[in-house]
Amino acid sequence: MKQEHPDNPFAARPWACMGVAATGTFMATLDGGIVNVALPTIAAQFGADLPFAQWVITIYLLSIACLLPAFGRLGDMNGRKAKYRMGFFLFTLSSALCGAAPGMWWLIVGRACQAVGGALLMANGPAIVVMSFPGPKRGRALGMIGMVVSLGSLAGPALGGLLVGWLGWPSIFYVNVPIGILGMFLVQRILPDDRKQSADSFDLTGAVQYAVGIIFLLTAITHGGRWGWGFPGTLACEGAAFVSLWLFLRRQSRVRHPVVDLSLFRIRGLAVGNLASLLCFMALLGNALMLPFFLVHVGGLSSRDAGLVLAVMPLTMAFAAPVSGYLSEKISHALLTGVGMAVAAAGLYSQTLLTASSGMLRMALGQAVLGLGFGIFVSPNNNAVLGSAPRAKSGVAGAVMALVRTLGMASGIAVSTAVYEAWNHRAVAAGLSDQAAFLAGFDASLVCAAGLALGAAAVSLARPWRARPPSAG
């Protein structure tokens, strides 16, 4: 096939390159949630209490969030193939070490190493797709990669439950080994050699300032509800995060070669798209966190039936996202994303109308509406964000997009938990039964999530109304 973009070797085999990017992206995002369901089993085996065991999840989240912008910047500077191959190698090796962990500290260190590989994959995967599709087919490609990201994020708990039940908790790590080996082979055979020498320098000081700020920020968000928002430790984390991130932003506006080029956020499509994504993932985590408890404790479903209901959302989204990606090449991103989040808000609110006698079909219907809305939203939003960035900075743009998703998930858990606890405690104080108090907190949490989704819809409608962003060079 004739190569239409001689300065861009990825464009010669676009769909093959996207397949490689999708493999790594799915593996890295899947492991963000697959461990959650296995955590009680792991803690019981190693005799660890829950706060200590929680670090198996927290260290992965923190490490990825700290490293994403730096790895995106390095990919823009020196090329992506070597970094993607290294991401597969580190992820595969550390997954095997996690599966063989003899104790909790070993597992926590292994998860930190796994996150290094995951960050290399997540930071460079979207950029590989952007490089592979510089033309009009970018929308459907980003729709598919967006579907992969979301499926990985949302399918983790369900797949983790199945693996733990059948093969034990080490299987959730060992399953990555053959996929990782395949990924390394595909990188070597398919991705073009894009090594380059850059005259730019890497801002290590800025990267450290950012990492310190994000560590304290996510620690405050993740543990603030448990510690108390007025607890001195929470306030100290918030203060340290503010100072570190302020120093980071101040440095990025002055240094010649920043880790994150702040001028990117002057691009309206990129800034609006990331804000909408933040609100979207905050809303989705309200559903993901609260609905399983309702299905089992109020709806009376078995774990298997609850898993089937929860699976409806990612399955619906898997059909909607590619169609929406194709439409994003022809229809305004603002219209598609606004409609998508409005539909998602309706799906979230519909969960507050559920009762103990609603039945599985009615419970699944709300998840189908939510999956449809999210599927409509994610593809054109990713297309708008990554398509708005200059191609030379697509790695940083993709890394920032992944970081926003991570922050949205962490913030969504904190907000949903805080709202639930406030209304639940109020109902208990009023003398309501345990189930009535649960429903009060559940309904308030889902109404809050629907409000966040409507906020994402409003933000989405504020983006430029042209059909697609110009292909930046």
Protein backbone atom coordinates (compact mmCIF):
# COMPACT_ATOMS: atom_id res chain seq x y z
CA MET A 1 0.00 0.00 0.00
CA LYS A 2 1.30 3.42 -0.87
CA GLN A 3 2.20 5.47 2.17
CA GLU A 4 0.34 8.78 2.01
CA HIS A 5 2.24 10.33 4.93
CA PRO A 6 5.97 9.75 4.41
CA ASP A 7 6.80 11.71 7.59
CA ASN A 8 4.53 9.43 9.64
CA PRO A 9 5.40 5.70 9.42
CA PHE A 10 2.41 4.71 11.59
CA ALA A 11 -0.01 5.70 8.80
CA ALA A 12 1.25 2.86 6.56
CA ARG A 13 -0.51 0.16 8.65
CA PRO A 14 -3.10 2.08 10.67
CA TRP A 15 -5.46 -0.70 11.76
CA ALA A 16 -2.64 -3.04 12.72
CA CYS A 17 -1.01 -0.30 14.81
CA MET A 18 -4.34 0.42 16.47
CA GLY A 19 -4.69 -3.27 17.35
CA VAL A 20 -1.35 -3.16 19.16
CA ALA A 21 -2.34 0.04 20.98
CA ALA A 22 -5.69 -1.48 21.96
CA THR A 23 -4.04 -4.61 23.40
CA GLY A 24 -1.79 -2.62 25.73
CA THR A 25 -4.44 -0.08 26.67
CA PHE A 26 -7.00 -2.76 27.57
CA MET A 27 -4.51 -4.69 29.71
CA ALA A 28 -3.44 -1.58 31.63
CA THR A 29 -6.95 -0.23 32.25
CA LEU A 30 -8.36 -3.66 33.14
CA ASP A 31 -5.89 -4.00 36.01
CA GLY A 32 -7.08 -0.72 37.49
CA GLY A 33 -10.24 -2.48 38.68
CA ILE A 34 -9.69 -6.23 38.44
CA VAL A 35 -7.94 -6.33 41.83
CA ASN A 36 -10.82 -4.69 43.72
CA VAL A 37 -12.99 -7.79 43.91
CA ALA A 38 -10.04 -9.98 44.97
CA LEU A 39 -8.86 -7.69 47.75
CA PRO A 40 -10.81 -9.32 50.63
CA THR A 41 -9.46 -12.75 49.62
CA ILE A 42 -5.89 -11.42 49.37
CA ALA A 43 -6.14 -9.64 52.72
CA ALA A 44 -7.49 -12.77 54.43
CA GLN A 45 -4.71 -14.97 53.02
CA PHE A 46 -1.93 -12.63 54.17
CA GLY A 47 -3.62 -11.64 57.45
CA ALA A 48 -3.68 -7.93 56.53
CA ASP A 49 -6.27 -5.44 57.71
CA LEU A 50 -8.30 -3.57 55.08
CA PRO A 51 -6.50 -0.17 55.26
CA PHE A 52 -3.13 -1.88 54.66
CA ALA A 53 -4.54 -4.15 51.95
CA GLN A 54 -6.08 -1.11 50.23
CA TRP A 55 -2.56 -0.04 49.25
CA VAL A 56 -2.56 -2.83 46.66
CA ILE A 57 -5.10 -0.68 44.77
CA THR A 58 -3.92 2.76 45.87
CA ILE A 59 -0.27 2.30 44.87
CA TYR A 60 -1.32 1.38 41.31
CA LEU A 61 -3.55 4.44 41.03
CA LEU A 62 -0.97 6.80 42.50
CA SER A 63 1.93 5.51 40.42
CA ILE A 64 0.08 5.69 37.12
CA ALA A 65 -1.23 9.18 37.82
CA CYS A 66 2.27 10.38 38.73
CA LEU A 67 3.95 9.00 35.62
CA LEU A 68 1.44 9.60 32.81
CA PRO A 69 2.45 13.14 31.73
CA ALA A 70 6.18 12.38 31.97
CA PHE A 71 5.90 9.25 29.83
CA GLY A 72 3.68 11.05 27.32
CA ARG A 73 6.28 13.81 27.03
CA LEU A 74 9.14 11.30 26.58
CA GLY A 75 7.17 9.57 23.84
CA ASP A 76 6.73 12.87 22.02
CA MET A 77 10.44 13.56 22.36
CA ASN A 78 12.06 10.23 21.47
CA GLY A 79 9.44 8.01 19.82
CA ARG A 80 6.86 5.52 21.05
CA LYS A 81 7.75 2.01 19.88
CA ALA A 82 10.55 1.37 22.39
CA LYS A 83 8.46 2.76 25.24
CA TYR A 84 5.44 0.68 24.31
CA ARG A 85 7.57 -2.46 24.15
CA MET A 86 9.10 -1.61 27.55
CA GLY A 87 5.60 -1.06 28.93
CA PHE A 88 4.56 -4.56 27.89
CA PHE A 89 7.76 -6.06 29.31
CA LEU A 90 7.48 -4.36 32.72
CA PHE A 91 3.77 -5.07 32.99
CA THR A 92 4.21 -8.74 32.12
CA LEU A 93 7.17 -9.32 34.44
CA SER A 94 5.60 -7.50 37.38
CA SER A 95 2.28 -9.34 36.85
CA ALA A 96 4.10 -12.65 37.22
CA LEU A 97 5.82 -11.37 40.39
CA CYS A 98 2.49 -10.20 41.82
CA GLY A 99 0.92 -13.62 41.20
CA ALA A 100 3.82 -15.29 43.04
CA ALA A 101 3.78 -12.81 45.95
CA PRO A 102 4.53 -14.51 49.31
CA GLY A 103 3.34 -11.52 51.32
CA MET A 104 1.56 -8.17 51.20
CA TRP A 105 4.67 -5.97 50.89
CA TRP A 106 5.87 -8.00 47.90
CA LEU A 107 2.48 -7.55 46.27
CA ILE A 108 2.42 -3.79 46.89
CA VAL A 109 5.90 -3.34 45.38
CA GLY A 110 4.91 -5.54 42.45
CA ARG A 111 1.83 -3.40 41.84
CA ALA A 112 3.98 -0.26 41.81
CA CYS A 113 6.22 -1.84 39.15
CA GLN A 114 3.13 -2.96 37.25
CA ALA A 115 1.91 0.65 37.25
CA VAL A 116 5.16 1.82 35.63
CA GLY A 117 4.47 -0.52 32.71
CA GLY A 118 0.80 0.46 32.68
CA ALA A 119 1.65 4.16 32.54
CA LEU A 120 3.97 3.59 29.56
CA LEU A 121 1.11 1.81 27.76
CA MET A 122 -1.65 4.25 28.70
CA ALA A 123 0.39 7.38 27.93
CA ASN A 124 1.44 6.26 24.45
CA GLY A 125 -1.53 4.15 23.28
CA PRO A 126 -3.86 7.04 22.28
CA ALA A 127 -0.94 8.85 20.63
CA ILE A 128 -0.21 5.78 18.48
CA VAL A 129 -3.83 5.85 17.31
CA VAL A 130 -3.63 9.57 16.49
CA MET A 131 -0.40 8.99 14.53
CA SER A 132 -1.91 6.00 12.71
CA PHE A 133 -5.03 7.86 11.59
CA PRO A 134 -4.13 11.43 10.58
CA GLY A 135 -7.06 11.51 8.15
CA PRO A 136 -10.85 11.39 8.34
CA LYS A 137 -11.03 7.84 9.81
CA ARG A 138 -9.57 9.04 13.10
CA GLY A 139 -13.03 9.33 14.65
CA ARG A 140 -13.97 5.67 14.33
CA ALA A 141 -10.46 4.60 15.42
CA LEU A 142 -10.62 6.75 18.54
CA GLY A 143 -14.13 5.44 19.09
CA MET A 144 -12.79 1.91 19.19
CA ILE A 145 -9.85 2.76 21.45
CA GLY A 146 -12.22 4.69 23.71
CA MET A 147 -14.43 1.62 23.86
CA VAL A 148 -11.38 -0.49 24.79
CA VAL A 149 -10.42 1.93 27.59
CA SER A 150 -13.92 1.99 29.01
CA LEU A 151 -14.44 -1.76 28.71
CA GLY A 152 -11.16 -2.35 30.49
CA SER A 153 -12.09 0.05 33.29
CA LEU A 154 -15.63 -1.27 33.72
CA ALA A 155 -15.11 -5.00 33.08
CA GLY A 156 -12.31 -5.42 35.62
CA PRO A 157 -14.47 -6.21 38.68
CA ALA A 158 -16.67 -8.71 36.80
CA LEU A 159 -13.72 -10.55 35.25
CA GLY A 160 -11.83 -10.46 38.52
CA GLY A 161 -14.75 -12.09 40.32
CA LEU A 162 -14.90 -14.91 37.81
CA LEU A 163 -11.15 -15.57 37.92
CA VAL A 164 -10.96 -15.50 41.70
CA GLY A 165 -13.93 -17.89 41.96
CA TRP A 166 -12.53 -20.35 39.44
CA LEU A 167 -8.75 -20.20 39.80
CA GLY A 168 -7.88 -18.19 42.92
CA TRP A 169 -6.59 -14.64 43.29
CA PRO A 170 -3.13 -15.17 41.65
CA SER A 171 -4.94 -15.81 38.35
CA ILE A 172 -5.91 -12.14 38.05
CA PHE A 173 -2.19 -11.39 37.61
CA TYR A 174 -1.09 -14.50 35.71
CA VAL A 175 -3.72 -13.85 33.02
CA ASN A 176 -1.63 -10.83 31.94
CA VAL A 177 1.46 -12.90 31.18
CA PRO A 178 0.42 -14.50 27.85
CA ILE A 179 -1.25 -11.25 26.76
CA GLY A 180 1.92 -9.30 27.56
CA ILE A 181 4.14 -11.74 25.67
CA LEU A 182 1.82 -11.47 22.68
CA GLY A 183 1.91 -7.68 22.99
CA MET A 184 5.72 -7.56 22.90
CA PHE A 185 5.71 -9.75 19.79
CA LEU A 186 3.14 -7.53 18.07
CA VAL A 187 5.04 -4.36 18.94
CA GLN A 188 8.21 -5.77 17.41
CA ARG A 189 6.46 -7.03 14.26
CA ILE A 190 3.96 -4.24 13.60
CA LEU A 191 4.92 -0.87 15.07
CA PRO A 192 7.38 1.09 12.90
CA ASP A 193 10.74 2.23 14.22
CA ASP A 194 10.09 5.85 15.15
CA ARG A 195 13.23 6.60 17.13
CA LYS A 196 14.28 10.21 16.90
CA GLN A 197 16.73 12.59 18.50
CA SER A 198 15.11 15.60 20.10
CA ALA A 199 16.88 18.83 20.90
CA ASP A 200 14.40 19.38 23.74
CA SER A 201 15.40 18.70 27.33
CA PHE A 202 13.24 16.80 29.82
CA ASP A 203 12.08 18.87 32.80
CA LEU A 204 12.87 16.47 35.66
CA THR A 205 12.24 19.10 38.36
CA GLY A 206 8.78 19.79 37.00
CA ALA A 207 8.02 16.07 36.77
CA VAL A 208 8.97 15.62 40.45
CA GLN A 209 6.88 18.63 41.52
CA TYR A 210 3.90 17.23 39.64
CA ALA A 211 4.34 13.71 41.09
CA VAL A 212 4.54 14.99 44.67
CA GLY A 213 1.45 17.14 44.17
CA ILE A 214 -0.57 14.30 42.65
CA ILE A 215 0.44 11.87 45.42
CA PHE A 216 -0.85 14.23 48.11
CA LEU A 217 -3.95 15.19 46.11
CA LEU A 218 -5.05 11.60 45.47
CA THR A 219 -4.25 10.62 49.05
CA ALA A 220 -6.56 13.40 50.28
CA ILE A 221 -9.31 12.47 47.81
CA THR A 222 -9.09 8.74 48.47
CA HIS A 223 -8.86 8.84 52.28
CA GLY A 224 -10.52 12.17 53.15
CA GLY A 225 -13.93 10.60 53.64
CA ARG A 226 -12.54 7.96 56.00
CA TRP A 227 -10.21 10.29 57.92
CA GLY A 228 -12.58 13.27 57.93
CA TRP A 229 -12.22 16.32 55.70
CA GLY A 230 -11.26 18.46 58.68
CA PHE A 231 -8.72 15.93 60.02
CA PRO A 232 -5.21 17.46 60.29
CA GLY A 233 -3.72 14.72 58.09
CA THR A 234 -6.25 15.43 55.32
CA LEU A 235 -5.65 19.18 55.55
CA ALA A 236 -1.88 18.61 55.45
CA CYS A 237 -2.22 16.50 52.28
CA GLU A 238 -4.41 19.14 50.68
CA GLY A 239 -1.94 21.89 51.58
CA ALA A 240 1.06 19.93 50.28
CA ALA A 241 -0.82 19.16 47.05
CA PHE A 242 -1.72 22.82 46.54
CA VAL A 243 1.85 24.03 47.08
CA SER A 244 3.46 21.35 44.89
CA LEU A 245 1.00 21.76 42.02
CA TRP A 246 1.23 25.56 42.22
CA LEU A 247 5.02 25.32 41.94
CA PHE A 248 4.59 22.88 39.05
CA LEU A 249 2.21 25.13 37.11
CA ARG A 250 4.41 28.16 37.79
CA ARG A 251 7.46 26.32 36.47
CA GLN A 252 5.63 24.95 33.43
CA SER A 253 4.67 28.46 32.37
CA ARG A 254 8.34 29.57 32.47
CA VAL A 255 10.53 26.60 31.53
CA ARG A 256 11.54 26.27 27.87
CA HIS A 257 10.58 22.59 27.48
CA PRO A 258 7.76 21.82 29.95
CA VAL A 259 6.46 18.39 30.90
CA VAL A 260 2.94 19.62 30.12
CA ASP A 261 2.63 22.48 27.65
CA LEU A 262 0.01 24.65 29.36
CA SER A 263 -0.78 26.31 26.03
CA LEU A 264 -2.62 23.09 25.14
CA PHE A 265 -5.37 24.14 27.55
CA ARG A 266 -5.94 27.30 25.54
CA ILE A 267 -7.31 24.98 22.85
CA ARG A 268 -11.01 25.09 23.60
CA GLY A 269 -11.83 21.61 22.33
CA LEU A 270 -9.10 20.01 24.44
CA ALA A 271 -9.90 21.91 27.65
CA VAL A 272 -13.68 21.43 27.38
CA GLY A 273 -13.31 17.76 26.46
CA ASN A 274 -11.13 17.00 29.48
CA LEU A 275 -13.51 18.81 31.84
CA ALA A 276 -16.47 16.88 30.42
CA SER A 277 -14.51 13.62 30.79
CA LEU A 278 -13.72 14.42 34.43
CA LEU A 279 -17.41 14.96 35.25
CA CYS A 280 -18.41 11.89 33.21
CA PHE A 281 -16.15 9.48 35.08
CA MET A 282 -17.12 11.00 38.43
CA ALA A 283 -20.75 10.25 37.56
CA LEU A 284 -20.06 6.71 36.35
CA LEU A 285 -18.20 5.74 39.52
CA GLY A 286 -21.30 6.63 41.54
CA ASN A 287 -23.16 3.89 39.68
CA ALA A 288 -20.27 1.41 39.76
CA LEU A 289 -19.77 1.86 43.51
CA MET A 290 -23.38 1.90 44.75
CA LEU A 291 -25.41 -0.34 42.44
CA PRO A 292 -23.78 -3.70 43.37
CA PHE A 293 -24.85 -3.20 47.00
CA PHE A 294 -28.42 -2.45 45.93
CA LEU A 295 -28.62 -5.47 43.64
CA VAL A 296 -27.47 -7.91 46.33
CA HIS A 297 -28.82 -6.43 49.57
CA VAL A 298 -32.09 -4.88 48.35
CA GLY A 299 -32.82 -6.64 45.07
CA GLY A 300 -31.90 -10.02 46.55
CA LEU A 301 -29.83 -11.09 43.53
CA SER A 302 -27.04 -13.62 43.74
CA SER A 303 -23.52 -12.49 42.96
CA ARG A 304 -23.80 -14.17 39.55
CA ASP A 305 -27.07 -12.43 38.67
CA ALA A 306 -25.76 -9.10 39.94
CA GLY A 307 -22.74 -9.55 37.70
CA LEU A 308 -25.02 -10.18 34.72
CA VAL A 309 -26.91 -6.94 35.40
CA LEU A 310 -23.68 -4.97 35.75
CA ALA A 311 -22.34 -6.48 32.52
CA VAL A 312 -25.18 -4.88 30.53
CA MET A 313 -23.59 -1.44 30.68
CA PRO A 314 -20.17 -2.26 29.14
CA LEU A 315 -21.83 -4.55 26.58
CA THR A 316 -24.21 -1.80 25.46
CA MET A 317 -21.35 0.66 25.36
CA ALA A 318 -19.31 -1.76 23.23
CA PHE A 319 -21.96 -1.51 20.51
CA ALA A 320 -22.63 2.23 20.86
CA ALA A 321 -19.05 3.54 20.98
CA PRO A 322 -17.88 2.45 17.49
CA VAL A 323 -21.10 3.77 15.91
CA SER A 324 -20.67 7.07 17.71
CA GLY A 325 -17.01 7.17 16.64
CA TYR A 326 -18.09 6.82 13.00
CA LEU A 327 -20.73 9.53 13.44
CA SER A 328 -18.15 11.83 15.06
CA GLU A 329 -16.52 12.14 11.63
CA LYS A 330 -19.75 13.64 10.27
CA ILE A 331 -21.75 15.16 13.14
CA SER A 332 -20.84 17.89 15.62
CA HIS A 333 -18.89 16.63 18.61
CA ALA A 334 -20.82 19.04 20.81
CA LEU A 335 -24.16 17.52 19.79
CA LEU A 336 -23.05 13.90 20.19
CA THR A 337 -21.34 14.36 23.55
CA GLY A 338 -24.15 16.55 24.93
CA VAL A 339 -26.81 14.02 23.93
CA GLY A 340 -24.70 11.14 25.22
CA MET A 341 -24.30 12.58 28.71
CA ALA A 342 -27.97 13.62 28.86
CA VAL A 343 -28.93 9.98 28.11
CA ALA A 344 -26.42 8.80 30.75
CA ALA A 345 -27.98 11.18 33.29
CA ALA A 346 -31.39 9.66 32.57
CA GLY A 347 -29.93 6.19 33.08
CA LEU A 348 -28.39 7.19 36.41
CA TYR A 349 -31.58 8.82 37.68
CA SER A 350 -33.61 5.77 36.65
CA GLN A 351 -31.69 3.75 39.24
CA THR A 352 -33.34 5.78 42.03
CA LEU A 353 -36.73 4.45 40.86
CA LEU A 354 -35.74 0.83 41.46
CA THR A 355 -37.44 -1.16 44.22
CA ALA A 356 -36.84 -4.57 45.75
CA SER A 357 -39.46 -6.05 43.40
CA SER A 358 -38.24 -4.39 40.19
CA GLY A 359 -36.77 -7.59 38.74
CA MET A 360 -33.60 -8.23 36.77
CA LEU A 361 -34.99 -6.95 33.45
CA ARG A 362 -35.89 -3.55 34.87
CA MET A 363 -32.55 -3.34 36.69
CA ALA A 364 -30.68 -4.19 33.50
CA LEU A 365 -32.66 -1.63 31.47
CA GLY A 366 -31.24 1.27 33.45
CA GLN A 367 -27.73 -0.06 32.87
CA ALA A 368 -28.45 -0.34 29.14
CA VAL A 369 -29.54 3.32 29.01
CA LEU A 370 -26.41 4.33 30.92
CA GLY A 371 -24.18 2.27 28.63
CA LEU A 372 -25.83 3.78 25.55
CA GLY A 373 -25.26 7.32 26.81
CA PHE A 374 -21.66 6.69 27.79
CA GLY A 375 -20.99 4.92 24.49
CA ILE A 376 -22.35 7.91 22.55
CA PHE A 377 -20.19 10.29 24.61
CA VAL A 378 -16.77 8.65 24.81
CA SER A 379 -15.79 8.37 21.13
CA PRO A 380 -16.49 11.93 19.93
CA ASN A 381 -15.08 13.32 23.17
CA ASN A 382 -11.78 11.46 22.68
CA ASN A 383 -11.76 12.51 19.03
CA ALA A 384 -12.28 16.16 19.98
CA VAL A 385 -9.56 16.12 22.66
CA LEU A 386 -6.85 14.27 20.74
CA GLY A 387 -7.77 15.76 17.38
CA SER A 388 -7.45 19.28 18.80
CA ALA A 389 -3.85 18.78 19.95
CA PRO A 390 -0.90 19.31 17.60
CA ARG A 391 0.35 15.94 16.39
CA ALA A 392 3.80 16.58 17.88
CA LYS A 393 2.18 16.81 21.33
CA SER A 394 -0.32 13.98 20.98
CA GLY A 395 1.51 11.92 23.62
CA VAL A 396 1.11 14.58 26.30
CA ALA A 397 -2.51 15.16 25.23
CA GLY A 398 -3.26 11.42 25.51
CA ALA A 399 -1.51 11.21 28.88
CA VAL A 400 -3.48 14.17 30.23
CA MET A 401 -6.70 12.55 29.02
CA ALA A 402 -5.81 9.31 30.86
CA LEU A 403 -4.88 11.32 33.97
CA VAL A 404 -8.22 13.13 33.92
CA ARG A 405 -9.98 9.76 33.71
CA THR A 406 -8.01 8.52 36.73
CA LEU A 407 -8.76 11.67 38.75
CA GLY A 408 -12.43 11.42 37.78
CA MET A 409 -12.65 7.85 39.07
CA ALA A 410 -10.91 8.69 42.34
CA SER A 411 -13.01 11.82 42.85
CA GLY A 412 -16.20 9.97 41.92
CA ILE A 413 -15.60 7.37 44.61
CA ALA A 414 -14.96 10.09 47.20
CA VAL A 415 -18.02 12.17 46.25
CA SER A 416 -20.35 9.19 45.99
CA THR A 417 -19.23 7.81 49.35
CA ALA A 418 -19.52 11.21 51.07
CA VAL A 419 -23.05 11.82 49.74
CA TYR A 420 -24.18 8.29 50.65
CA GLU A 421 -22.83 8.52 54.19
CA ALA A 422 -24.38 11.95 54.82
CA TRP A 423 -27.91 10.88 53.79
CA ASN A 424 -27.57 7.45 55.35
CA HIS A 425 -26.55 8.88 58.73
CA ARG A 426 -29.36 11.42 58.56
CA ALA A 427 -31.89 8.62 57.94
CA VAL A 428 -30.48 6.52 60.78
CA ALA A 429 -30.74 9.50 63.12
CA ALA A 430 -34.39 9.90 62.08
CA GLY A 431 -35.05 6.33 63.24
CA LEU A 432 -35.50 4.69 59.81
CA SER A 433 -34.75 1.01 59.29
CA ASP A 434 -31.38 -0.12 57.95
CA GLN A 435 -32.79 -0.78 54.47
CA ALA A 436 -34.62 2.55 54.36
CA ALA A 437 -31.44 4.32 55.48
CA PHE A 438 -29.47 2.52 52.77
CA LEU A 439 -32.01 3.55 50.14
CA ALA A 440 -31.86 7.17 51.30
CA GLY A 441 -28.10 7.22 50.82
CA PHE A 442 -28.30 5.22 47.57
CA ASP A 443 -30.87 7.57 46.02
CA ALA A 444 -28.94 10.69 47.04
CA SER A 445 -25.70 9.29 45.63
CA LEU A 446 -27.32 8.42 42.27
CA VAL A 447 -29.09 11.80 42.05
CA CYS A 448 -25.70 13.44 42.62
CA ALA A 449 -24.20 11.25 39.87
CA ALA A 450 -27.02 12.24 37.49
CA GLY A 451 -26.31 15.89 38.31
CA LEU A 452 -22.63 15.40 37.44
CA ALA A 453 -23.66 13.79 34.14
CA LEU A 454 -25.90 16.76 33.34
CA GLY A 455 -22.95 19.01 34.16
CA ALA A 456 -20.87 17.04 31.65
CA ALA A 457 -23.66 17.48 29.08
CA ALA A 458 -23.71 21.25 29.64
CA VAL A 459 -19.93 21.47 29.36
CA SER A 460 -20.00 19.36 26.20
CA LEU A 461 -22.47 21.69 24.54
CA ALA A 462 -20.05 24.57 25.18
CA ARG A 463 -17.41 23.08 22.86
CA PRO A 464 -16.98 24.23 19.22
CA TRP A 465 -19.89 23.04 17.07
CA ARG A 466 -17.98 22.09 13.94
CA ALA A 467 -18.20 18.44 12.90
CA ARG A 468 -14.62 17.58 13.80
CA PRO A 469 -11.48 19.40 14.89
CA PRO A 470 -8.89 20.21 12.26
CA SER A 471 -6.08 17.72 11.83
CA ALA A 472 -3.25 19.47 13.61
CA GLY A 473 0.23 19.04 12.43
